[in-house]
Amino acid sequence: MTSKLNGGDAFPEVALTTTAGEVLTLPRDLSSPWTVVLFYRGHW
């Protein structure tokens, strides 16, 4: 189990595969220091 982030915590590095098949590594591949990330699980 991972722990929740608190205000001021650094976002952990996460590798995601896009729908185009490319790998996006957060936060390294983002150009802005301010970003909103929304995880949508869809229908299970």
C-alpha atoms as a PDB file:
ATOM      1  CA  MET A   1       0.000   0.000   0.000  1.00  0.00           C
ATOM      2  CA  THR A   2       1.357   3.416  -0.883  1.00  0.00           C
ATOM      3  CA  SER A   3       0.863   6.499   1.233  1.00  0.00           C
ATOM      4  CA  LYS A   4      -1.085   9.591   0.191  1.00  0.00           C
ATOM      5  CA  LEU A   5       0.677  12.791  -0.816  1.00  0.00           C
ATOM      6  CA  ASN A   6       0.455  15.781   1.486  1.00  0.00           C
ATOM      7  CA  GLY A   7       0.678  19.442   0.541  1.00  0.00           C
ATOM      8  CA  GLY A   8       4.252  20.248  -0.471  1.00  0.00           C
ATOM      9  CA  ASP A   9       5.235  16.624  -1.179  1.00  0.00           C
ATOM     10  CA  ALA A  10       7.085  15.917  -4.412  1.00  0.00           C
ATOM     11  CA  PHE A  11       5.109  13.907  -6.960  1.00  0.00           C
ATOM     12  CA  PRO A  12       6.663  10.433  -7.272  1.00  0.00           C
ATOM     13  CA  GLU A  13       8.011   9.307 -10.644  1.00  0.00           C
ATOM     14  CA  VAL A  14       5.360   7.307 -12.516  1.00  0.00           C
ATOM     15  CA  ALA A  15       5.642   5.792 -16.016  1.00  0.00           C
ATOM     16  CA  LEU A  16       2.376   5.671 -17.989  1.00  0.00           C
ATOM     17  CA  THR A  17       1.595   4.332 -21.441  1.00  0.00           C
ATOM     18  CA  THR A  18      -0.503   6.688 -23.576  1.00  0.00           C
ATOM     19  CA  THR A  19      -3.259   5.538 -25.931  1.00  0.00           C
ATOM     20  CA  ALA A  20      -0.740   6.134 -28.751  1.00  0.00           C
ATOM     21  CA  GLY A  21       1.599   3.553 -27.177  1.00  0.00           C
ATOM     22  CA  GLU A  22       4.195   6.096 -26.026  1.00  0.00           C
ATOM     23  CA  VAL A  23       5.602   6.070 -22.492  1.00  0.00           C
ATOM     24  CA  LEU A  24       5.143   9.274 -20.501  1.00  0.00           C
ATOM     25  CA  THR A  25       7.107   9.615 -17.275  1.00  0.00           C
ATOM     26  CA  LEU A  26       5.638  11.992 -14.709  1.00  0.00           C
ATOM     27  CA  PRO A  27       6.740  14.497 -13.605  1.00  0.00           C
ATOM     28  CA  ARG A  28       9.946  14.414 -15.693  1.00  0.00           C
ATOM     29  CA  ASP A  29       8.235  14.708 -19.114  1.00  0.00           C
ATOM     30  CA  LEU A  30       6.026  17.666 -18.155  1.00  0.00           C
ATOM     31  CA  SER A  31       7.065  21.131 -19.284  1.00  0.00           C
ATOM     32  CA  SER A  32       5.248  23.043 -16.532  1.00  0.00           C
ATOM     33  CA  PRO A  33       5.934  22.927 -12.795  1.00  0.00           C
ATOM     34  CA  TRP A  34       2.146  23.218 -12.213  1.00  0.00           C
ATOM     35  CA  THR A  35       0.078  20.328 -13.533  1.00  0.00           C
ATOM     36  CA  VAL A  36      -3.178  18.587 -12.712  1.00  0.00           C
ATOM     37  CA  VAL A  37      -3.203  14.810 -13.176  1.00  0.00           C
ATOM     38  CA  LEU A  38      -6.549  13.035 -13.324  1.00  0.00           C
ATOM     39  CA  PHE A  39      -6.656   9.253 -13.113  1.00  0.00           C
ATOM     40  CA  TYR A  40      -9.882   7.807 -14.467  1.00  0.00           C
ATOM     41  CA  ARG A  41     -10.331   4.083 -13.975  1.00  0.00           C
ATOM     42  CA  GLY A  42     -13.134   3.798 -16.507  1.00  0.00           C
ATOM     43  CA  HIS A  43     -15.576   0.908 -16.303  1.00  0.00           C
ATOM     44  CA  TRP A  44     -14.390  -2.260 -14.540  1.00  0.00           C
END
